[in-house]
């Protein structure tokens, strides 16, 4: 509802956040939908006010409201796209670091 939440890959959240979520972003939806292993740590970036929706209520909300389902799907796609871009950039950096430098 207000504030920002940092998403960190390492469990102790000691590095810079991979991404920062803010008002109207959804977190935890993948756990409710598919229950995958946890892939990130969240840490408030200052004061945060959020709305907690219980898993059953969330499932009912997306089942009964196509516009909410579409919004959640768009956020998931945006995150997956961002993750793919970050991984591709890391792959290029590693390739450049391991290739011999021209003299």
C-alpha atoms as a PDB file:
ATOM      1  CA  UNK A   1       0.000   0.000   0.000  1.00  0.00           C
ATOM      2  CA  UNK A   2       2.982   2.261   0.658  1.00  0.00           C
ATOM      3  CA  UNK A   3       6.746   2.041   0.904  1.00  0.00           C
ATOM      4  CA  UNK A   4       9.281  -0.126  -0.875  1.00  0.00           C
ATOM      5  CA  UNK A   5      10.443  -3.712  -0.463  1.00  0.00           C
ATOM      6  CA  UNK A   6      13.826  -4.906  -1.714  1.00  0.00           C
ATOM      7  CA  UNK A   7      14.124  -8.349  -3.279  1.00  0.00           C
ATOM      8  CA  UNK A   8      17.433 -10.066  -2.512  1.00  0.00           C
ATOM      9  CA  UNK A   9      18.852 -13.296  -3.885  1.00  0.00           C
ATOM     10  CA  UNK A  10      21.083 -13.986  -0.881  1.00  0.00           C
ATOM     11  CA  UNK A  11      19.328 -14.982   2.336  1.00  0.00           C
ATOM     12  CA  UNK A  12      21.052 -12.419   4.562  1.00  0.00           C
ATOM     13  CA  UNK A  13      20.008  -9.565   2.213  1.00  0.00           C
ATOM     14  CA  UNK A  14      23.490  -8.029   2.502  1.00  0.00           C
ATOM     15  CA  UNK A  15      24.000  -6.971  -1.144  1.00  0.00           C
ATOM     16  CA  UNK A  16      22.002  -4.454  -3.133  1.00  0.00           C
ATOM     17  CA  UNK A  17      18.468  -5.587  -3.965  1.00  0.00           C
ATOM     18  CA  UNK A  18      17.955  -7.210  -7.347  1.00  0.00           C
ATOM     19  CA  UNK A  19      14.760  -5.205  -7.695  1.00  0.00           C
ATOM     20  CA  UNK A  20      12.688  -2.911  -5.499  1.00  0.00           C
ATOM     21  CA  UNK A  21       8.918  -3.316  -5.406  1.00  0.00           C
ATOM     22  CA  UNK A  22       6.552  -0.540  -4.432  1.00  0.00           C
ATOM     23  CA  UNK A  23       2.882   0.381  -4.236  1.00  0.00           C
ATOM     24  CA  UNK A  24       0.507  -2.068  -5.969  1.00  0.00           C
ATOM     25  CA  UNK A  25       3.208  -4.707  -6.571  1.00  0.00           C
ATOM     26  CA  UNK A  26       2.329  -8.227  -5.483  1.00  0.00           C
ATOM     27  CA  UNK A  27       4.686 -10.538  -3.569  1.00  0.00           C
ATOM     28  CA  UNK A  28       4.224 -14.153  -2.551  1.00  0.00           C
ATOM     29  CA  UNK A  29       1.753 -14.974  -5.310  1.00  0.00           C
ATOM     30  CA  UNK A  30       3.943 -17.714  -6.810  1.00  0.00           C
ATOM     31  CA  UNK A  31       4.069 -19.492  -3.457  1.00  0.00           C
ATOM     32  CA  UNK A  32       0.281 -19.458  -3.214  1.00  0.00           C
ATOM     33  CA  UNK A  33      -0.211 -20.604  -6.809  1.00  0.00           C
ATOM     34  CA  UNK A  34       2.510 -23.256  -7.137  1.00  0.00           C
ATOM     35  CA  UNK A  35       4.407 -23.543  -3.812  1.00  0.00           C
ATOM     36  CA  UNK A  36       7.914 -23.591  -5.373  1.00  0.00           C
ATOM     37  CA  UNK A  37      11.059 -23.485  -3.224  1.00  0.00           C
ATOM     38  CA  UNK A  38      11.733 -19.996  -1.923  1.00  0.00           C
ATOM     39  CA  UNK A  39      13.955 -18.083  -4.334  1.00  0.00           C
ATOM     40  CA  UNK A  40      14.417 -14.696  -2.675  1.00  0.00           C
ATOM     41  CA  UNK A  41      14.453 -12.706   0.546  1.00  0.00           C
ATOM     42  CA  UNK A  42      12.373  -9.569   0.997  1.00  0.00           C
ATOM     43  CA  UNK A  43      13.413  -6.651   3.186  1.00  0.00           C
ATOM     44  CA  UNK A  44      11.537  -3.432   3.830  1.00  0.00           C
ATOM     45  CA  UNK A  45      13.353  -0.356   2.525  1.00  0.00           C
ATOM     46  CA  UNK A  46      12.054   1.945   5.248  1.00  0.00           C
ATOM     47  CA  UNK A  47       8.473   2.149   6.452  1.00  0.00           C
ATOM     48  CA  UNK A  48       6.134  -0.225   4.591  1.00  0.00           C
ATOM     49  CA  UNK A  49       2.399  -0.633   4.839  1.00  0.00           C
ATOM     50  CA  UNK A  50       1.086  -3.746   3.111  1.00  0.00           C
ATOM     51  CA  UNK A  51      -2.086  -5.713   2.674  1.00  0.00           C
ATOM     52  CA  UNK A  52      -1.907  -9.384   3.576  1.00  0.00           C
ATOM     53  CA  UNK A  53      -4.273 -11.684   1.717  1.00  0.00           C
ATOM     54  CA  UNK A  54      -4.677 -15.240   2.963  1.00  0.00           C
ATOM     55  CA  UNK A  55      -3.933 -17.966   0.405  1.00  0.00           C
ATOM     56  CA  UNK A  56      -7.531 -19.172   0.096  1.00  0.00           C
ATOM     57  CA  UNK A  57      -8.797 -15.610  -0.269  1.00  0.00           C
ATOM     58  CA  UNK A  58      -6.152 -14.877  -2.922  1.00  0.00           C
ATOM     59  CA  UNK A  59      -7.085 -17.978  -4.914  1.00  0.00           C
ATOM     60  CA  UNK A  60     -10.764 -17.007  -4.736  1.00  0.00           C
ATOM     61  CA  UNK A  61      -9.893 -13.461  -5.794  1.00  0.00           C
ATOM     62  CA  UNK A  62      -7.994 -14.529  -8.916  1.00  0.00           C
ATOM     63  CA  UNK A  63     -10.539 -17.241  -9.742  1.00  0.00           C
ATOM     64  CA  UNK A  64     -13.506 -14.865  -9.520  1.00  0.00           C
ATOM     65  CA  UNK A  65     -11.904 -11.721 -11.020  1.00  0.00           C
ATOM     66  CA  UNK A  66     -10.289 -12.093 -14.448  1.00  0.00           C
ATOM     67  CA  UNK A  67      -8.913  -8.532 -14.298  1.00  0.00           C
ATOM     68  CA  UNK A  68      -7.061  -9.352 -11.072  1.00  0.00           C
ATOM     69  CA  UNK A  69      -5.758 -12.601 -12.569  1.00  0.00           C
ATOM     70  CA  UNK A  70      -4.488 -10.737 -15.615  1.00  0.00           C
ATOM     71  CA  UNK A  71      -2.766  -8.133 -13.445  1.00  0.00           C
ATOM     72  CA  UNK A  72      -1.032 -10.825 -11.389  1.00  0.00           C
ATOM     73  CA  UNK A  73       0.014 -12.686 -14.548  1.00  0.00           C
ATOM     74  CA  UNK A  74       1.458  -9.487 -16.016  1.00  0.00           C
ATOM     75  CA  UNK A  75       3.525  -8.920 -12.878  1.00  0.00           C
ATOM     76  CA  UNK A  76       4.825 -12.485 -13.007  1.00  0.00           C
ATOM     77  CA  UNK A  77       5.718 -12.119 -16.700  1.00  0.00           C
ATOM     78  CA  UNK A  78       7.453  -8.791 -16.000  1.00  0.00           C
ATOM     79  CA  UNK A  79       9.540 -10.403 -13.255  1.00  0.00           C
ATOM     80  CA  UNK A  80      10.438 -13.393 -15.422  1.00  0.00           C
ATOM     81  CA  UNK A  81      11.409 -11.074 -18.282  1.00  0.00           C
ATOM     82  CA  UNK A  82      13.571  -8.987 -15.949  1.00  0.00           C
ATOM     83  CA  UNK A  83      15.199 -12.126 -14.546  1.00  0.00           C
ATOM     84  CA  UNK A  84      15.975 -13.408 -18.054  1.00  0.00           C
ATOM     85  CA  UNK A  85      17.550 -10.049 -18.949  1.00  0.00           C
ATOM     86  CA  UNK A  86      19.695 -10.061 -15.811  1.00  0.00           C
ATOM     87  CA  UNK A  87      20.834 -13.635 -16.465  1.00  0.00           C
ATOM     88  CA  UNK A  88      21.694 -12.796 -20.082  1.00  0.00           C
ATOM     89  CA  UNK A  89      23.741  -9.765 -18.963  1.00  0.00           C
ATOM     90  CA  UNK A  90      25.595 -11.926 -16.411  1.00  0.00           C
ATOM     91  CA  UNK A  91      26.280 -14.533 -19.068  1.00  0.00           C
ATOM     92  CA  UNK A  92      27.739 -11.856 -21.379  1.00  0.00           C
ATOM     93  CA  UNK A  93      29.881 -10.461 -18.547  1.00  0.00           C
ATOM     94  CA  UNK A  94      31.255 -13.925 -17.778  1.00  0.00           C
ATOM     95  CA  UNK A  95      31.966 -14.582 -21.448  1.00  0.00           C
ATOM     96  CA  UNK A  96      33.793 -11.248 -21.773  1.00  0.00           C
ATOM     97  CA  UNK A  97      35.770 -11.875 -18.594  1.00  0.00           C
ATOM     98  CA  UNK A  98      36.922 -15.312 -19.738  1.00  0.00           C
ATOM     99  CA  UNK A  99      37.804 -14.361 -23.318  1.00  0.00           C
ATOM    100  CA  UNK A 100      41.427 -13.370 -24.006  1.00  0.00           C
ATOM    101  CA  UNK A 101      41.979  -9.623 -24.320  1.00  0.00           C
ATOM    102  CA  UNK A 102      43.415  -8.309 -27.585  1.00  0.00           C
ATOM    103  CA  UNK A 103      46.744  -6.516 -27.148  1.00  0.00           C
END
